[in-house]
Protein backbone atom coordinates (compact mmCIF):
# COMPACT_ATOMS: atom_id res chain seq x y z
CA MET A 1 -36.77 62.91 -29.01
CA THR A 2 -36.55 58.69 -28.46
CA ARG A 3 -36.67 57.68 -24.81
CA ALA A 4 -32.92 56.77 -25.43
CA ALA A 5 -31.99 59.93 -26.82
CA LEU A 6 -33.74 62.18 -23.63
CA ALA A 7 -31.98 59.63 -21.16
CA GLN A 8 -28.44 60.18 -23.09
CA ALA A 9 -29.19 64.07 -22.98
CA ALA A 10 -30.02 63.83 -19.20
CA LEU A 11 -26.45 62.13 -18.52
CA GLN A 12 -24.93 64.91 -19.92
CA GLN A 13 -26.33 67.77 -17.67
CA PRO A 14 -24.11 68.95 -15.26
CA PRO A 15 -25.66 68.72 -11.40
CA GLY A 16 -28.01 71.11 -10.65
CA THR A 17 -28.32 73.99 -7.98
CA LEU A 18 -29.55 71.98 -5.31
CA THR A 19 -26.84 69.34 -5.97
CA ARG A 20 -24.05 72.03 -6.14
CA TRP A 21 -25.49 72.71 -2.59
CA PHE A 22 -24.67 69.54 -1.28
CA GLY A 23 -21.07 70.10 -2.16
CA GLN A 24 -20.94 68.69 -6.31
CA GLY A 25 -23.36 65.85 -5.53
CA ARG A 26 -26.25 64.26 -3.75
CA VAL A 27 -25.50 62.91 -0.11
CA GLY A 28 -27.39 59.20 -0.64
CA LEU A 29 -30.21 59.95 1.40
CA PHE A 30 -32.09 57.73 -0.95
CA SER A 31 -31.66 54.51 -3.53
CA LEU A 32 -32.68 54.71 -6.69
CA SER A 33 -34.57 51.34 -8.06
CA ARG A 34 -33.42 48.89 -10.57
CA ALA A 35 -36.36 49.83 -12.83
CA THR A 36 -35.25 53.31 -12.60
CA LEU A 37 -31.79 52.39 -13.18
CA ALA A 38 -32.91 49.86 -16.38
CA GLN A 39 -34.65 53.30 -17.93
CA ARG A 40 -31.46 55.18 -17.67
CA HIS A 41 -28.91 52.53 -18.21
CA ALA A 42 -30.34 49.41 -20.05
CA LEU A 43 -28.90 49.35 -23.62
CA PRO A 44 -30.58 48.03 -26.91
CA SER A 45 -28.65 45.04 -26.34
CA SER A 46 -29.46 44.45 -22.82
CA ARG A 47 -30.92 40.59 -21.83
CA TRP A 48 -31.58 39.36 -18.36
CA VAL A 49 -31.11 36.01 -17.19
CA GLN A 50 -31.88 34.17 -13.69
CA VAL A 51 -28.48 33.20 -11.82
CA MET A 52 -28.13 32.31 -8.50
CA GLY A 53 -31.76 33.74 -7.59
CA ALA A 54 -30.36 37.23 -8.76
CA LEU A 55 -31.62 38.71 -12.48
CA VAL A 56 -28.31 39.33 -14.18
CA HIS A 57 -27.90 41.98 -16.41
CA TYR A 58 -25.75 41.09 -19.39
CA THR A 59 -25.67 41.25 -23.36
CA ASP A 60 -24.94 39.24 -26.29
CA GLU A 61 -23.53 41.05 -29.43
CA GLY A 62 -21.81 40.45 -32.40
CA VAL A 63 -21.49 37.51 -35.16
CA ALA A 64 -23.81 35.07 -33.75
CA ASP A 65 -21.48 32.05 -34.88
CA GLY A 66 -18.39 33.86 -34.01
CA GLU A 67 -15.76 32.91 -31.41
CA PRO A 68 -17.17 33.99 -27.92
CA LEU A 69 -15.74 36.44 -25.72
CA VAL A 70 -16.69 37.08 -22.08
CA LEU A 71 -15.87 40.61 -20.75
CA ILE A 72 -15.97 40.82 -17.00
CA HIS A 73 -15.53 44.19 -14.95
CA GLY A 74 -14.31 45.58 -12.20
CA PHE A 75 -15.33 46.69 -8.64
CA GLY A 76 -17.94 49.39 -8.73
CA ALA A 77 -18.18 49.32 -12.42
CA SER A 78 -20.57 47.73 -14.88
CA LEU A 79 -20.79 46.13 -18.54
CA HIS A 80 -20.54 49.66 -20.10
CA THR A 81 -16.91 50.13 -19.09
CA TRP A 82 -16.24 47.97 -22.26
CA GLU A 83 -18.72 50.01 -24.51
CA GLY A 84 -15.87 51.66 -26.59
CA LEU A 85 -14.23 48.41 -27.69
CA MET A 86 -17.55 46.88 -28.84
CA PRO A 87 -17.91 48.58 -32.30
CA MET A 88 -14.62 46.56 -33.24
CA LEU A 89 -15.15 43.57 -31.22
CA LYS A 90 -18.43 43.02 -32.68
CA GLN A 91 -17.01 43.00 -36.40
CA ARG A 92 -15.62 39.17 -35.75
CA TYR A 93 -16.91 37.45 -32.73
CA ARG A 94 -19.78 36.89 -30.56
CA VAL A 95 -19.32 39.13 -27.45
CA LEU A 96 -21.02 38.71 -23.61
CA ARG A 97 -20.26 40.99 -21.10
CA LEU A 98 -22.14 41.18 -17.46
CA ASP A 99 -22.91 42.86 -14.43
CA LEU A 100 -21.24 41.07 -11.82
CA ALA A 101 -23.34 41.01 -8.49
CA PRO A 102 -23.56 43.44 -6.48
CA PHE A 103 -22.88 45.91 -9.33
CA GLY A 104 -24.49 47.79 -12.38
CA LEU A 105 -28.28 46.62 -13.30
CA THR A 106 -27.52 43.12 -11.45
CA GLY A 107 -27.56 43.84 -7.84
CA PRO A 108 -26.92 42.08 -5.05
CA LEU A 109 -27.61 38.57 -4.55
CA ARG A 110 -30.01 37.63 -1.90
CA ASP A 111 -30.48 34.95 0.22
CA ALA A 112 -34.00 33.20 0.74
CA HIS A 113 -35.06 35.53 3.37
CA GLY A 114 -34.16 38.74 1.24
CA ARG A 115 -30.76 39.40 3.07
CA ILE A 116 -28.27 40.45 0.35
CA VAL A 117 -25.29 38.11 -0.03
CA THR A 118 -21.82 38.76 1.03
CA MET A 119 -19.56 38.53 -2.11
CA ASP A 120 -16.03 36.86 -2.07
CA VAL A 121 -13.77 34.70 -3.98
CA ASN A 122 -15.94 31.48 -3.54
CA ARG A 123 -18.68 33.20 -4.25
CA TYR A 124 -17.56 34.88 -7.60
CA ARG A 125 -16.33 31.41 -8.65
CA ASP A 126 -19.82 30.08 -8.32
CA PHE A 127 -21.08 33.23 -9.81
CA ILE A 128 -19.22 33.14 -12.85
CA ASP A 129 -19.93 29.51 -13.58
CA ALA A 130 -23.23 29.43 -13.10
CA PHE A 131 -23.77 32.71 -15.38
CA LEU A 132 -21.57 30.63 -18.17
CA GLU A 133 -23.43 27.80 -18.09
CA MET A 134 -26.97 29.38 -18.24
CA VAL A 135 -25.86 31.38 -21.31
CA GLY A 136 -24.89 28.28 -22.88
CA ILE A 137 -20.78 29.25 -23.13
CA ALA A 138 -18.38 25.77 -23.12
CA ARG A 139 -15.42 27.50 -24.31
CA ALA A 140 -14.39 31.21 -24.85
CA SER A 141 -11.85 33.57 -24.81
CA VAL A 142 -12.16 35.53 -21.57
CA ILE A 143 -11.28 39.15 -20.66
CA GLY A 144 -11.28 40.56 -17.57
CA ASN A 145 -10.25 43.63 -15.45
CA SER A 146 -9.62 44.46 -12.15
CA LEU A 147 -11.57 42.32 -10.03
CA GLY A 148 -12.90 40.92 -13.34
CA GLY A 149 -9.09 40.11 -14.04
CA LEU A 150 -9.13 38.19 -10.75
CA ILE A 151 -12.09 36.29 -11.55
CA ALA A 152 -10.84 35.58 -15.19
CA TRP A 153 -7.27 34.02 -14.61
CA ASP A 154 -8.78 31.96 -11.71
CA LEU A 155 -11.39 30.78 -14.32
CA ALA A 156 -8.52 30.20 -16.39
CA VAL A 157 -6.77 27.94 -13.12
CA ARG A 158 -10.01 25.99 -12.28
CA ARG A 159 -11.56 25.64 -15.55
CA PRO A 160 -8.40 25.18 -18.30
CA ALA A 161 -10.88 23.63 -20.86
CA LEU A 162 -13.13 26.44 -21.04
CA VAL A 163 -10.87 29.63 -21.63
CA ASP A 164 -9.46 29.67 -24.94
CA LYS A 165 -7.70 32.98 -24.64
CA LEU A 166 -7.07 35.11 -21.72
CA VAL A 167 -6.49 38.56 -21.58
CA LEU A 168 -5.94 40.52 -18.11
CA ILE A 169 -6.39 44.05 -17.74
CA ASP A 170 -5.03 45.74 -14.43
CA ALA A 171 -5.93 42.61 -13.01
CA ALA A 172 -6.25 41.83 -8.89
CA GLY A 173 -4.86 38.82 -7.20
CA PHE A 174 -1.50 39.70 -5.97
CA PRO A 175 -1.15 41.06 -1.89
CA MET A 176 -2.15 44.81 -1.84
CA LYS A 177 -3.22 47.75 -0.17
CA LEU A 178 -6.69 48.50 -0.83
CA PRO A 179 -7.42 51.79 -3.29
CA ILE A 180 -8.45 54.46 -0.32
CA TYR A 181 -11.94 54.88 -1.83
CA ILE A 182 -12.41 50.83 -1.52
CA ASP A 183 -10.93 50.41 2.20
CA LEU A 184 -13.14 53.04 3.76
CA PHE A 185 -15.64 50.49 3.74
CA ARG A 186 -13.58 48.28 6.27
CA HIS A 187 -14.13 50.99 8.95
CA ALA A 188 -17.57 50.06 10.56
CA PRO A 189 -19.11 53.72 10.28
CA VAL A 190 -18.51 54.26 6.73
CA ARG A 191 -20.38 50.67 6.48
CA TRP A 192 -22.99 51.44 8.84
CA SER A 193 -23.61 55.20 7.23
CA ALA A 194 -22.98 54.31 3.56
CA PRO A 195 -26.29 53.37 2.48
CA TRP A 196 -27.91 56.33 3.95
CA MET A 197 -25.62 58.87 3.45
CA LEU A 198 -22.63 58.66 0.58
CA PRO A 199 -21.53 61.94 -0.83
CA GLU A 200 -21.49 61.77 -4.46
CA PHE A 201 -18.00 63.46 -4.60
CA ILE A 202 -16.53 60.55 -3.36
CA ILE A 203 -17.92 58.39 -6.21
CA ARG A 204 -16.47 61.32 -8.52
CA ALA A 205 -13.39 61.41 -6.77
CA ALA A 206 -12.58 57.55 -7.04
CA THR A 207 -13.78 57.75 -11.30
CA ARG A 208 -11.60 60.22 -11.31
CA ASP A 209 -9.01 58.07 -9.65
CA VAL A 210 -9.36 55.34 -11.91
CA TYR A 211 -8.46 57.14 -14.78
CA GLY A 212 -4.81 58.52 -15.89
CA ASP A 213 -6.03 61.81 -17.07
CA ALA A 214 -9.19 62.53 -14.95
CA SER A 215 -10.03 65.48 -17.83
CA ARG A 216 -10.74 62.33 -19.95
CA VAL A 217 -14.16 61.63 -17.45
CA PRO A 218 -17.17 62.91 -19.42
CA GLU A 219 -20.03 63.36 -17.29
CA SER A 220 -22.30 60.80 -18.51
CA THR A 221 -19.67 58.44 -17.39
CA PHE A 222 -20.02 60.38 -13.71
CA ARG A 223 -23.81 59.66 -13.80
CA ARG A 224 -23.33 56.04 -14.24
CA TYR A 225 -20.84 55.73 -11.84
CA VAL A 226 -22.69 57.81 -9.42
CA ASP A 227 -26.34 56.07 -10.36
CA PHE A 228 -25.15 52.78 -10.07
CA PHE A 229 -23.51 52.88 -6.44
CA TYR A 230 -27.02 54.53 -5.21
CA ALA A 231 -29.00 51.51 -6.33
CA GLU A 232 -31.16 49.64 -4.29
CA GLY A 233 -28.70 47.72 -1.82
CA SER A 234 -25.55 48.35 -3.61
CA ARG A 235 -23.61 50.28 -0.68
CA GLU A 236 -24.83 48.09 1.94
CA ALA A 237 -23.80 45.04 -0.62
CA VAL A 238 -20.53 46.58 -0.93
CA GLY A 239 -20.20 47.02 2.52
CA LYS A 240 -20.69 43.39 3.28
CA MET A 241 -18.28 42.57 0.70
CA VAL A 242 -15.11 44.68 1.12
CA PRO A 243 -14.05 43.17 4.51
CA LYS A 244 -13.85 39.97 2.88
CA LEU A 245 -11.39 41.28 -0.02
CA ASP A 246 -8.39 39.16 0.78
CA PHE A 247 -5.47 39.00 -2.13
CA ASP A 248 -2.95 37.36 0.57
CA GLU A 249 -4.12 34.14 -0.27
CA LEU A 250 -5.07 33.61 -3.38
CA PRO A 251 -3.70 30.86 -5.65
CA THR A 252 -1.35 33.06 -7.42
CA PRO A 253 1.09 29.88 -7.66
CA LEU A 254 -1.08 28.35 -10.04
CA LEU A 255 -1.19 31.07 -12.56
CA ALA A 256 2.24 29.09 -13.42
CA GLY A 257 -0.27 25.89 -14.94
CA ILE A 258 -1.93 28.58 -17.24
CA ARG A 259 -1.72 27.44 -20.76
CA SER A 260 -4.41 29.45 -22.58
CA PRO A 261 -2.25 32.09 -24.59
CA THR A 262 -2.42 35.44 -22.46
CA LEU A 263 -2.26 39.07 -23.03
CA VAL A 264 -1.43 41.45 -19.72
CA LEU A 265 -2.27 44.97 -20.43
CA TRP A 266 -1.54 47.86 -17.74
CA GLY A 267 -1.95 51.48 -17.46
CA ASP A 268 1.20 52.83 -16.08
CA ARG A 269 -0.69 55.26 -14.04
CA ASP A 270 -2.73 52.73 -12.31
CA ARG A 271 -3.43 54.13 -8.96
CA TRP A 272 -5.78 51.21 -7.81
CA ILE A 273 -3.12 48.02 -8.27
CA PRO A 274 0.78 48.70 -8.42
CA PRO A 275 1.76 48.40 -12.34
CA ALA A 276 4.66 46.68 -10.52
CA HIS A 277 1.69 43.71 -10.63
CA ALA A 278 1.75 43.62 -14.62
CA GLN A 279 5.35 42.49 -14.67
CA ALA A 280 4.22 39.66 -11.72
CA PHE A 281 1.52 38.32 -14.00
CA ALA A 282 4.04 38.19 -17.33
CA ASP A 283 6.58 36.25 -15.39
CA ARG A 284 3.99 33.73 -13.57
CA ILE A 285 1.99 32.89 -17.07
CA PRO A 286 3.94 30.91 -19.14
CA GLY A 287 4.73 32.52 -22.45
CA ALA A 288 2.46 35.88 -21.79
CA GLN A 289 2.69 39.24 -23.52
CA LEU A 290 2.90 42.31 -22.05
CA ARG A 291 1.67 45.70 -23.04
CA ARG A 292 2.24 48.69 -20.96
CA TYR A 293 0.10 52.11 -21.56
CA ASP A 294 2.04 55.47 -20.24
CA GLY A 295 -0.85 57.94 -19.14
CA LEU A 296 -3.34 55.44 -18.89
CA GLY A 297 -4.76 54.43 -15.50
CA HIS A 298 -6.70 51.58 -13.77
CA ILE A 299 -9.26 50.87 -16.41
CA PRO A 300 -7.14 51.72 -19.76
CA MET A 301 -10.22 50.15 -22.23
CA GLU A 302 -12.51 52.40 -20.95
CA GLU A 303 -10.26 55.79 -21.23
CA ASP A 304 -8.57 54.82 -24.39
CA PRO A 305 -10.43 52.19 -26.23
CA ARG A 306 -8.61 52.24 -29.67
CA ARG A 307 -5.39 52.45 -28.04
CA VAL A 308 -6.03 48.97 -26.04
CA ALA A 309 -7.71 47.55 -29.48
CA ALA A 310 -4.64 48.01 -30.95
CA ASP A 311 -3.06 45.37 -29.13
CA LEU A 312 -6.04 43.39 -28.12
CA LEU A 313 -7.50 42.78 -31.84
CA PRO A 314 -3.79 41.37 -33.22
CA PHE A 315 -3.58 39.25 -30.03
CA LEU A 316 -6.92 37.46 -30.58
CA ALA A 317 -6.75 37.24 -34.21
CA ALA A 318 -2.71 35.72 -33.91
CA HIS A 319 -4.18 33.10 -31.53
CA CYS A 320 -7.79 32.09 -33.34
CA GLY A 321 -8.63 28.60 -33.79
CA GLY A 322 -8.44 26.92 -37.07
CA PRO A 323 -6.83 27.72 -40.22
CA ARG A 324 -5.67 31.43 -40.14
CA ARG A 325 -6.09 33.76 -43.21
CA GLU A 326 -3.64 35.94 -44.44
CA ASN A 327 -5.62 39.05 -44.22
CA GLN A 328 -7.60 38.11 -41.19
CA ARG A 329 -6.30 41.04 -39.57
CA THR A 330 -7.24 43.43 -41.94
CA ARG A 331 -10.75 42.41 -41.30
CA PHE A 332 -11.04 44.70 -38.10
CA THR A 333 -11.44 47.97 -38.37
CA ILE A 334 -10.60 50.65 -35.29
CA PRO A 335 -12.59 53.94 -36.17
CA ALA A 336 -10.89 57.19 -35.97
CA ALA A 337 -11.38 59.23 -32.75
CA PRO A 338 -13.74 61.77 -32.83
CA GLY A 339 -12.75 65.02 -34.88
CA SER A 340 -9.86 63.12 -36.62
CA PRO A 341 -9.64 63.48 -40.72
């Protein structure tokens, strides 16, 4: 069995006896090194690039000279959240996805003294601008989920010449109460203790909470989210970051100036960002299209990628640059669900 196959088999295993004794999960009395995480979760297409002093994990796949797509994940997630869409997107596009700091295999940004840098909206602006410059992207369609959606629409506002098409999936931006599993980190005792003691069952509960139907979450997905939260420096970085999350003063009035064709996708069982925000984005961005998904949660593209692709692919094709071919949409193939005839 190959190393990749062995790693995948390990991820599929349920917690062992000691893990169950601690309440279905480790208690976080250790951290996983980036090298260990890379062995478990790096992909065959994984690449690294130096951005703001950090090695940023990303992938660059699909048609080399195709239209570029940039995929930006949300809080606590990683580029793996897009995995279900990749077989369909790679048929036509050049697809870049990255792990935002301090998440995934990228981890926290650090200053010259090795101290963890606090991420906020301004820092993410610098971060995404620097990443796109380093990978040579001057214009692309941008797809963002949750925090990544905020970064995506803010990029369209700040740099309209860069954003061709814009897709917002359960995007952040309007004033809201933080989800309970994020709001925990606003409390000093949690911020102090989390780097040493964060029970795995909390991370598992948060993962279930972002799905509309928690029965859809495979064990390998639970293990991935848990591993990345136990990554070296990640919990400390989250503790520094959360108090800086402020959705009350974001420049949402500037959404009216976005001229990129825009698609808003939303899970109606989103427990993290109110589904009413979907209509707020659609109302403020001129010409925006809105699609809702009954039964899906905060990360619909991970929970049911085929359902999301059925709206995403035609939107991208309809607004492609250059002369449009009559048979353009037929070039996409949405794979049948496992077990389908």
